[in-house]
Amino acid sequence: MKTFHKGGIHPNPDKLTADMHTMPVAAPAVCRLMLSQAIGAPAKPVVKPGESVTAGQMVAEAGGFVSAPVHTPVSGTVKKIEPVRNPQGLWQDAIIIETAPGENPEEQRQSRTIDEVSPKEIIDIVGRAGIVGLGGATFPTRVKLSVPSGKKAEVIVINGAECEPYLTCDDRLMQENPKAIVDGTRLIMKATDCQRAVIGIEENKTLAIEAMRKAVRDIPSITVEVLVKKYPQGSEKQLIEATTGRVVPAGGLPIDAGAIVDNVATAAAVADAVLRGLPLTARIVTVTGPAVSKPGNFLVPLGTPVSTLIELAGGLPEDTGKVIGGGPMMGRAMCDLEAPTTKGLSGVLILPRGMSMRAEAGPCIRCARCVSVCPMGLEPYLLMTLGELGRWEEAKARGAANCLECGCCSYTCPASRPLLDYIRLDKMEIRKL
């Protein structure tokens, strides 16, 4: 088995929903589609209040080169275009659609083969379908597949690591629909003129490994690599090193090492868009937690309130202390559970009070644990100190901008120091220099 070689931790996986089949969620009565669902510029509405829309229709176009359009998962009537609160409580513009009675999930629009589409068509369709990185980063996939002049994609790395504790949405997808992932991988290879792909999966996902190996059995250009269970294995730079041995240069992008990384769900979305004519209007979300009565994996139409997913999972336990969007390591606490589901929401993690409270921070004991676990080879204790003192130039010189924000340092600190909080402050201030 393979892994990256610098740093990393081994948290308890807590994959409580790994054996639970994905359940489709009915369309909401009111669908609220956020215009900011990708890294980059928000999408721009192309519909007006009072207009009728049909499932799969583009309701907002890309707002720039690094942006992605938004499509409605439901048929109905546009009621408003107004700000709504996202899960972190920030106000962002959204298109409010009243769903037509008897709405059903969108059906396949067409049937094409991989041989029938050209590389340019693939990239154009992916862009029009609004596909973004579904591992959480939400980088527009069209941009990633548009290899810059002078660069060459020599290997496509498909991310099936899912190293975040609790989350199982990718695991279930690999078990339930491996063909879509393989088809999407082949399309990505064709779009980028790449002859080799590797699918990286952590060792604890035995059924997913079996399913994906069976799916690529007759495709020699695609291999499955079993990886050591280690966080943050799914981070781009660490995954590239683990699966290919290549190292992305400091401050560089994967393509600088001849690699392109896409999540398994992103690959499946590419296949749905190119071969079946389906834009990105839904995603799998894991709803889980130690005290959740009915945890599960749900195929959720975008724009569905997070509260609906929590109700499907049995509601909030009485001792709930925190609800996190994503996993416990890189997810963010939610303050508005009526906020709509977006393309980047991979999980809803409900933690009891005892797991939600921060321990009181103590003085640094110079144990260097944060240094030993940092996958980027940084000195988190020093970067925190520089952040406390406001010495941003020094923090920049010490590589703070290279931080993955994986949280390994804070996780391992015996003094419970808020290392990552201050490194995030460093990064924010460095951008202003």
Protein backbone atom coordinates (compact mmCIF):
# COMPACT_ATOMS: atom_id res chain seq x y z
CA MET A 1 0.00 0.00 0.00
CA LYS A 2 1.07 3.54 -0.70
CA THR A 3 0.88 6.87 1.08
CA PHE A 4 2.52 10.30 1.24
CA HIS A 5 5.69 10.52 3.27
CA LYS A 6 5.61 13.75 5.24
CA GLY A 7 3.37 14.21 8.27
CA GLY A 8 -0.23 13.10 8.58
CA ILE A 9 -2.37 11.68 11.38
CA HIS A 10 -4.59 8.66 12.01
CA PRO A 11 -7.91 9.81 13.50
CA ASN A 12 -10.64 7.27 14.24
CA PRO A 13 -12.50 6.86 10.89
CA ASP A 14 -16.01 6.63 12.46
CA LYS A 15 -17.53 5.57 9.12
CA LEU A 16 -20.95 4.93 10.67
CA THR A 17 -22.81 5.00 7.34
CA ALA A 18 -20.43 2.99 5.14
CA ASP A 19 -22.95 0.14 4.79
CA MET A 20 -25.99 2.35 4.18
CA HIS A 21 -27.29 2.58 0.63
CA THR A 22 -27.83 6.01 -0.88
CA MET A 23 -31.45 7.13 -0.52
CA PRO A 24 -32.99 9.67 -2.93
CA VAL A 25 -34.54 12.77 -1.35
CA ALA A 26 -37.78 14.23 -2.71
CA ALA A 27 -37.71 17.69 -4.26
CA PRO A 28 -38.33 20.49 -1.73
CA ALA A 29 -41.53 22.53 -1.94
CA VAL A 30 -39.36 25.64 -2.27
CA CYS A 31 -35.94 25.30 -3.89
CA ARG A 32 -33.37 27.98 -3.01
CA LEU A 33 -30.40 27.88 -5.37
CA MET A 34 -27.35 29.81 -4.20
CA LEU A 35 -25.52 31.72 -6.94
CA SER A 36 -22.17 31.17 -5.18
CA GLN A 37 -21.64 27.41 -5.40
CA ALA A 38 -18.10 27.36 -6.80
CA ILE A 39 -14.74 28.96 -6.15
CA GLY A 40 -14.57 32.17 -8.18
CA ALA A 41 -17.20 34.63 -9.34
CA PRO A 42 -20.87 34.01 -8.44
CA ALA A 43 -23.16 32.88 -11.24
CA LYS A 44 -25.42 35.48 -12.90
CA PRO A 45 -29.20 34.86 -13.06
CA VAL A 46 -30.69 34.34 -16.54
CA VAL A 47 -34.28 34.04 -15.26
CA LYS A 48 -36.66 36.55 -13.71
CA PRO A 49 -39.40 36.33 -11.07
CA GLY A 50 -42.58 34.94 -12.58
CA GLU A 51 -40.85 32.75 -15.17
CA SER A 52 -41.56 29.04 -15.40
CA VAL A 53 -38.55 26.71 -15.35
CA THR A 54 -38.09 23.02 -16.02
CA ALA A 55 -35.84 20.55 -14.23
CA GLY A 56 -32.29 20.71 -15.55
CA GLN A 57 -32.66 24.23 -16.99
CA MET A 58 -29.80 26.67 -16.51
CA VAL A 59 -31.05 29.46 -14.27
CA ALA A 60 -27.72 31.25 -13.77
CA GLU A 61 -24.74 31.45 -16.12
CA ALA A 62 -21.06 31.49 -15.21
CA GLY A 63 -20.00 34.90 -13.92
CA GLY A 64 -16.45 34.69 -15.25
CA PHE A 65 -13.73 32.30 -16.39
CA VAL A 66 -13.41 30.83 -12.88
CA SER A 67 -17.11 30.32 -12.20
CA ALA A 68 -19.84 27.76 -12.90
CA PRO A 69 -23.47 27.99 -13.97
CA VAL A 70 -26.36 26.82 -11.79
CA HIS A 71 -29.24 24.57 -12.92
CA THR A 72 -32.55 23.92 -11.24
CA PRO A 73 -33.25 20.37 -10.04
CA VAL A 74 -37.02 21.05 -10.12
CA SER A 75 -39.69 22.37 -12.42
CA GLY A 76 -41.71 25.29 -11.11
CA THR A 77 -41.93 29.07 -10.95
CA VAL A 78 -39.24 31.58 -10.06
CA LYS A 79 -40.63 33.55 -7.12
CA LYS A 80 -37.74 35.79 -6.11
CA ILE A 81 -34.05 36.49 -6.51
CA GLU A 82 -32.88 37.65 -3.11
CA PRO A 83 -30.17 37.15 -0.48
CA VAL A 84 -30.47 34.12 1.80
CA ARG A 85 -28.16 32.96 4.55
CA ASN A 86 -25.62 30.27 3.78
CA PRO A 87 -24.80 27.64 6.46
CA GLN A 88 -22.21 29.97 8.03
CA GLY A 89 -24.78 32.76 8.29
CA LEU A 90 -23.47 34.95 5.48
CA TRP A 91 -26.00 36.56 3.17
CA GLN A 92 -25.64 35.51 -0.48
CA ASP A 93 -27.92 35.91 -3.49
CA ALA A 94 -30.14 32.97 -4.41
CA ILE A 95 -32.88 32.10 -6.89
CA ILE A 96 -36.07 31.04 -5.11
CA ILE A 97 -38.18 28.51 -7.07
CA GLU A 98 -41.60 27.25 -6.04
CA THR A 99 -41.68 23.61 -7.06
CA ALA A 100 -44.52 22.42 -9.29
CA PRO A 101 -46.82 19.77 -7.74
CA GLY A 102 -45.86 16.18 -8.47
CA GLU A 103 -42.27 17.07 -9.37
CA ASN A 104 -40.08 14.07 -10.18
CA PRO A 105 -36.28 13.77 -10.45
CA GLU A 106 -34.83 14.74 -13.80
CA GLU A 107 -34.54 11.89 -16.29
CA GLN A 108 -31.78 11.09 -18.76
CA ARG A 109 -31.95 13.43 -21.75
CA GLN A 110 -29.75 11.58 -24.22
CA SER A 111 -27.45 8.63 -24.72
CA ARG A 112 -23.98 9.05 -26.21
CA THR A 113 -20.77 7.07 -26.19
CA ILE A 114 -17.28 8.25 -25.33
CA ASP A 115 -16.19 7.78 -28.95
CA GLU A 116 -18.90 10.18 -30.16
CA VAL A 117 -17.55 13.28 -28.38
CA SER A 118 -14.40 15.29 -29.08
CA PRO A 119 -12.09 16.68 -26.37
CA LYS A 120 -13.40 20.20 -26.96
CA GLU A 121 -17.01 19.01 -26.72
CA ILE A 122 -16.28 17.31 -23.42
CA ILE A 123 -14.82 20.47 -21.91
CA ASP A 124 -17.66 22.63 -23.27
CA ILE A 125 -20.34 20.26 -21.95
CA VAL A 126 -18.66 20.04 -18.54
CA GLY A 127 -18.62 23.84 -18.39
CA ARG A 128 -22.26 24.21 -19.40
CA ALA A 129 -23.32 21.50 -16.93
CA GLY A 130 -21.97 23.47 -13.98
CA ILE A 131 -19.66 20.73 -12.73
CA VAL A 132 -17.28 21.65 -9.92
CA GLY A 133 -15.00 19.70 -7.60
CA LEU A 134 -17.38 17.66 -5.44
CA GLY A 135 -14.77 16.71 -2.86
CA GLY A 136 -15.45 20.06 -1.20
CA ALA A 137 -13.13 22.47 -3.02
CA THR A 138 -15.76 23.35 -5.72
CA PHE A 139 -13.15 24.46 -8.27
CA PRO A 140 -14.84 24.64 -11.72
CA THR A 141 -13.98 21.41 -13.55
CA ARG A 142 -13.99 23.11 -16.96
CA VAL A 143 -11.07 25.27 -15.85
CA LYS A 144 -9.17 22.28 -14.49
CA LEU A 145 -9.57 20.39 -17.78
CA SER A 146 -8.36 23.37 -19.82
CA VAL A 147 -4.66 22.55 -19.60
CA PRO A 148 -2.54 25.73 -19.93
CA SER A 149 -0.28 26.14 -22.93
CA GLY A 150 3.12 24.64 -22.26
CA LYS A 151 1.77 22.15 -19.71
CA LYS A 152 0.99 18.46 -20.24
CA ALA A 153 -1.37 16.18 -18.32
CA GLU A 154 0.60 12.96 -17.93
CA VAL A 155 -1.62 11.30 -15.32
CA ILE A 156 -5.19 11.76 -14.12
CA VAL A 157 -5.59 11.05 -10.40
CA ILE A 158 -9.12 10.22 -9.28
CA ASN A 159 -9.66 10.86 -5.59
CA GLY A 160 -11.51 8.08 -3.78
CA ALA A 161 -9.53 8.41 -0.55
CA GLU A 162 -12.31 10.06 1.51
CA CYS A 163 -9.95 10.40 4.46
CA GLU A 164 -12.23 12.71 6.48
CA PRO A 165 -13.76 10.85 9.45
CA TYR A 166 -17.50 10.13 9.31
CA LEU A 167 -18.01 10.91 5.58
CA THR A 168 -19.02 7.99 3.32
CA CYS A 169 -20.65 9.66 0.29
CA ASP A 170 -17.72 8.80 -2.01
CA ASP A 171 -17.46 5.28 -0.62
CA ARG A 172 -21.12 4.62 -1.42
CA LEU A 173 -20.79 6.09 -4.91
CA MET A 174 -17.85 3.80 -5.67
CA GLN A 175 -19.82 0.80 -4.45
CA GLU A 176 -23.07 1.70 -6.18
CA ASN A 177 -22.03 3.29 -9.46
CA PRO A 178 -18.43 2.44 -10.36
CA LYS A 179 -19.18 2.49 -14.11
CA ALA A 180 -20.09 6.19 -14.03
CA ILE A 181 -16.79 6.95 -12.29
CA VAL A 182 -14.82 4.98 -14.87
CA ASP A 183 -16.72 6.55 -17.79
CA GLY A 184 -16.06 9.99 -16.34
CA THR A 185 -12.38 9.17 -15.89
CA ARG A 186 -12.10 8.09 -19.52
CA LEU A 187 -13.79 11.31 -20.63
CA ILE A 188 -11.41 13.39 -18.51
CA MET A 189 -8.47 11.50 -20.05
CA LYS A 190 -9.80 12.16 -23.54
CA ALA A 191 -10.45 15.85 -22.84
CA THR A 192 -6.88 16.35 -21.62
CA ASP A 193 -5.13 14.00 -24.06
CA CYS A 194 -3.86 11.92 -21.15
CA GLN A 195 -3.04 8.23 -21.55
CA ARG A 196 -2.96 7.16 -17.91
CA ALA A 197 -5.21 7.40 -14.87
CA VAL A 198 -5.05 6.10 -11.33
CA ILE A 199 -7.86 5.84 -8.78
CA GLY A 200 -6.63 6.17 -5.18
CA ILE A 201 -8.75 4.55 -2.44
CA GLU A 202 -7.91 4.10 1.24
CA GLU A 203 -7.53 0.56 2.54
CA ASN A 204 -10.60 0.65 4.82
CA LYS A 205 -12.99 0.85 1.83
CA THR A 206 -12.72 -2.81 0.84
CA LEU A 207 -16.02 -3.04 -1.04
CA ALA A 208 -15.29 0.15 -2.98
CA ILE A 209 -11.84 -1.16 -3.90
CA GLU A 210 -13.37 -4.41 -5.12
CA ALA A 211 -16.05 -2.60 -7.14
CA MET A 212 -13.61 -0.19 -8.78
CA ARG A 213 -11.07 -2.91 -9.60
CA LYS A 214 -13.81 -4.91 -11.28
CA ALA A 215 -14.93 -1.84 -13.24
CA VAL A 216 -11.41 -1.19 -14.65
CA ARG A 217 -10.47 -4.84 -15.16
CA ASP A 218 -10.49 -4.54 -18.94
CA ILE A 219 -9.09 -0.99 -19.10
CA PRO A 220 -5.29 -1.18 -18.77
CA SER A 221 -4.88 2.61 -18.88
CA ILE A 222 -6.73 2.97 -15.55
CA THR A 223 -5.43 1.39 -12.35
CA VAL A 224 -6.64 1.30 -8.74
CA GLU A 225 -4.11 2.04 -6.00
CA VAL A 226 -4.86 1.01 -2.42
CA LEU A 227 -3.65 3.65 0.04
CA VAL A 228 -2.79 3.55 3.72
CA LYS A 229 -5.57 4.97 5.91
CA LYS A 230 -4.01 8.31 6.76
CA TYR A 231 -5.27 11.89 6.91
CA PRO A 232 -5.02 14.12 4.80
CA GLN A 233 -4.57 11.45 2.11
CA GLY A 234 -7.25 13.07 -0.07
CA SER A 235 -5.49 16.42 -0.33
CA GLU A 236 -4.34 16.97 -3.93
CA LYS A 237 -0.60 17.21 -3.33
CA GLN A 238 -0.54 14.31 -0.89
CA LEU A 239 -2.68 12.13 -3.16
CA ILE A 240 -0.47 12.80 -6.17
CA GLU A 241 2.60 11.79 -4.18
CA ALA A 242 0.91 8.68 -2.78
CA THR A 243 -0.42 7.38 -6.10
CA THR A 244 2.31 8.46 -8.54
CA GLY A 245 5.41 9.42 -6.54
CA ARG A 246 5.35 12.87 -8.14
CA VAL A 247 5.87 15.96 -6.01
CA VAL A 248 4.04 19.21 -6.68
CA PRO A 249 6.50 22.10 -6.23
CA ALA A 250 5.91 24.56 -3.37
CA GLY A 251 3.39 27.14 -4.48
CA GLY A 252 2.65 25.12 -7.62
CA LEU A 253 -0.42 23.40 -8.99
CA PRO A 254 -0.91 19.68 -9.75
CA ILE A 255 -0.44 20.34 -13.48
CA ASP A 256 3.10 21.54 -12.66
CA ALA A 257 3.78 17.90 -11.77
CA GLY A 258 1.95 16.68 -14.87
CA ALA A 259 -1.15 15.68 -12.90
CA ILE A 260 -4.84 16.58 -12.75
CA VAL A 261 -6.87 15.51 -9.70
CA ASP A 262 -10.64 15.03 -9.68
CA ASN A 263 -12.92 13.54 -7.07
CA VAL A 264 -14.83 10.31 -7.84
CA ALA A 265 -18.13 12.18 -7.62
CA THR A 266 -16.83 14.79 -10.04
CA ALA A 267 -15.87 12.04 -12.51
CA ALA A 268 -19.37 10.54 -12.24
CA ALA A 269 -20.90 13.98 -12.81
CA VAL A 270 -18.78 14.36 -15.97
CA ALA A 271 -20.18 11.06 -17.28
CA ASP A 272 -23.74 12.12 -16.46
CA ALA A 273 -23.31 15.42 -18.28
CA VAL A 274 -21.48 14.23 -21.39
CA LEU A 275 -23.07 10.83 -21.97
CA ARG A 276 -26.55 11.37 -20.52
CA GLY A 277 -27.10 15.11 -20.88
CA LEU A 278 -27.64 15.71 -17.17
CA PRO A 279 -26.29 18.91 -15.58
CA LEU A 280 -25.20 18.94 -11.94
CA THR A 281 -28.41 19.36 -9.95
CA ALA A 282 -27.95 16.92 -7.05
CA ARG A 283 -25.24 15.32 -4.97
CA ILE A 284 -24.79 12.63 -2.29
CA VAL A 285 -24.60 13.98 1.27
CA THR A 286 -23.70 11.94 4.35
CA VAL A 287 -25.75 12.89 7.43
CA THR A 288 -24.22 11.35 10.52
CA GLY A 289 -23.00 11.71 14.09
CA PRO A 290 -22.43 9.63 17.23
CA ALA A 291 -25.96 10.19 18.56
CA VAL A 292 -27.90 10.51 15.28
CA SER A 293 -30.75 7.97 15.29
CA LYS A 294 -31.07 7.41 11.53
CA PRO A 295 -27.76 8.38 9.88
CA GLY A 296 -27.45 7.79 6.16
CA ASN A 297 -26.31 8.80 2.72
CA PHE A 298 -28.80 10.84 0.72
CA LEU A 299 -29.00 11.89 -2.94
CA VAL A 300 -30.09 15.48 -2.43
CA PRO A 301 -31.46 18.01 -4.94
CA LEU A 302 -29.46 21.23 -4.69
CA GLY A 303 -31.41 23.92 -2.88
CA THR A 304 -32.90 21.52 -0.32
CA PRO A 305 -32.78 22.93 3.25
CA VAL A 306 -30.18 21.31 5.49
CA SER A 307 -32.92 20.95 8.12
CA THR A 308 -34.74 18.54 5.79
CA LEU A 309 -31.72 16.25 5.73
CA ILE A 310 -31.45 16.36 9.51
CA GLU A 311 -35.13 15.42 9.82
CA LEU A 312 -34.59 12.46 7.48
CA ALA A 313 -31.75 11.34 9.76
CA GLY A 314 -34.03 11.39 12.81
CA GLY A 315 -33.71 15.02 13.88
CA LEU A 316 -31.26 16.78 16.16
CA PRO A 317 -30.36 14.77 19.27
CA GLU A 318 -31.08 16.55 22.57
CA ASP A 319 -27.41 16.88 23.43
CA THR A 320 -26.38 18.44 20.11
CA GLY A 321 -23.55 20.88 20.58
CA LYS A 322 -22.50 21.60 17.00
CA VAL A 323 -23.58 20.88 13.42
CA ILE A 324 -20.75 20.84 10.88
CA GLY A 325 -20.96 21.13 7.11
CA GLY A 326 -18.46 18.54 5.87
CA GLY A 327 -16.19 16.45 8.05
CA PRO A 328 -14.77 17.15 11.52
CA MET A 329 -11.29 18.08 10.26
CA MET A 330 -11.96 20.61 7.49
CA GLY A 331 -15.69 21.20 7.80
CA ARG A 332 -17.25 24.41 9.07
CA ALA A 333 -19.78 24.89 11.85
CA MET A 334 -23.29 25.75 10.69
CA CYS A 335 -25.30 28.52 12.30
CA ASP A 336 -28.36 28.39 10.02
CA LEU A 337 -29.87 24.96 9.41
CA GLU A 338 -32.47 26.38 7.01
CA ALA A 339 -29.64 27.18 4.60
CA PRO A 340 -29.85 25.33 1.27
CA THR A 341 -27.72 22.40 0.14
CA THR A 342 -25.00 23.41 -2.33
CA LYS A 343 -22.58 21.60 -4.64
CA GLY A 344 -19.82 21.68 -2.03
CA LEU A 345 -21.77 20.08 0.84
CA SER A 346 -20.43 16.54 1.26
CA GLY A 347 -21.75 15.90 4.74
CA VAL A 348 -23.73 17.11 7.72
CA LEU A 349 -22.03 16.03 10.94
CA ILE A 350 -23.96 16.39 14.21
CA LEU A 351 -21.74 16.32 17.30
CA PRO A 352 -22.81 16.13 20.96
CA ARG A 353 -21.81 18.86 23.39
CA GLY A 354 -19.01 16.79 24.86
CA MET A 355 -17.28 16.64 21.47
CA SER A 356 -18.01 20.25 20.54
CA MET A 357 -16.31 22.27 23.25
CA ARG A 358 -12.74 23.44 22.85
CA ALA A 359 -10.36 22.67 25.68
CA GLU A 360 -8.71 25.69 27.29
CA ALA A 361 -5.49 26.52 25.45
CA GLY A 362 -2.28 26.21 27.41
CA PRO A 363 1.27 27.38 26.76
CA CYS A 364 3.33 25.72 24.04
CA ILE A 365 5.46 22.95 25.58
CA ARG A 366 7.84 22.78 22.58
CA CYS A 367 6.98 19.12 21.90
CA ALA A 368 7.14 19.63 18.09
CA ARG A 369 4.18 17.33 17.46
CA CYS A 370 2.63 19.95 15.18
CA VAL A 371 5.82 19.99 13.12
CA SER A 372 5.97 16.21 12.83
CA VAL A 373 2.37 15.87 11.56
CA CYS A 374 2.32 18.83 9.14
CA PRO A 375 2.05 17.33 5.62
CA MET A 376 3.58 20.48 4.13
CA GLY A 377 6.64 20.48 6.38
CA LEU A 378 5.74 23.77 8.09
CA GLU A 379 6.29 24.94 11.67
CA PRO A 380 2.75 25.56 12.93
CA TYR A 381 3.86 26.63 16.45
CA LEU A 382 5.99 29.39 14.91
CA LEU A 383 3.34 30.47 12.40
CA MET A 384 0.85 30.84 15.25
CA THR A 385 3.28 33.00 17.21
CA LEU A 386 3.91 35.19 14.17
CA GLY A 387 0.14 35.52 13.75
CA GLU A 388 -0.29 36.57 17.39
CA LEU A 389 2.40 39.23 16.91
CA GLY A 390 1.09 40.42 13.54
CA ARG A 391 4.38 39.68 11.78
CA TRP A 392 2.85 38.78 8.42
CA GLU A 393 5.98 39.21 6.30
CA GLU A 394 7.82 36.67 8.42
CA ALA A 395 4.84 34.31 8.30
CA LYS A 396 4.92 34.58 4.51
CA ALA A 397 8.64 33.85 4.43
CA ARG A 398 8.03 30.78 6.61
CA GLY A 399 5.55 29.37 4.09
CA ALA A 400 2.22 30.08 5.80
CA ALA A 401 0.55 30.46 2.40
CA ASN A 402 1.34 26.79 1.68
CA CYS A 403 -0.80 25.58 4.59
CA LEU A 404 -3.52 23.12 3.52
CA GLU A 405 -5.69 24.05 6.51
CA CYS A 406 -6.03 20.32 7.17
CA GLY A 407 -6.02 20.81 10.96
CA CYS A 408 -3.44 18.12 11.76
CA CYS A 409 -1.51 20.56 13.94
CA SER A 410 -4.47 21.57 16.11
CA TYR A 411 -5.64 17.94 16.32
CA THR A 412 -2.34 16.72 17.73
CA CYS A 413 -1.44 19.64 20.02
CA PRO A 414 -1.40 18.45 23.67
CA ALA A 415 -1.82 22.06 24.84
CA SER A 416 -4.98 22.56 22.73
CA ARG A 417 -3.52 25.65 21.11
CA PRO A 418 -5.56 27.20 18.24
CA LEU A 419 -2.74 26.75 15.75
CA LEU A 420 -4.85 26.58 12.59
CA ASP A 421 -6.92 29.62 13.57
CA TYR A 422 -3.84 31.81 13.64
CA ILE A 423 -2.38 30.29 10.48
CA ARG A 424 -5.64 31.14 8.71
CA LEU A 425 -5.21 34.69 10.01
CA ASP A 426 -1.66 34.65 8.63
CA LYS A 427 -2.92 33.60 5.20
CA MET A 428 -5.67 36.21 5.18
CA GLU A 429 -3.22 39.00 6.01
CA ILE A 430 -0.58 37.72 3.56
CA ARG A 431 -3.12 38.12 0.73
CA LYS A 432 -3.27 41.83 1.57
CA LEU A 433 0.50 42.37 1.30
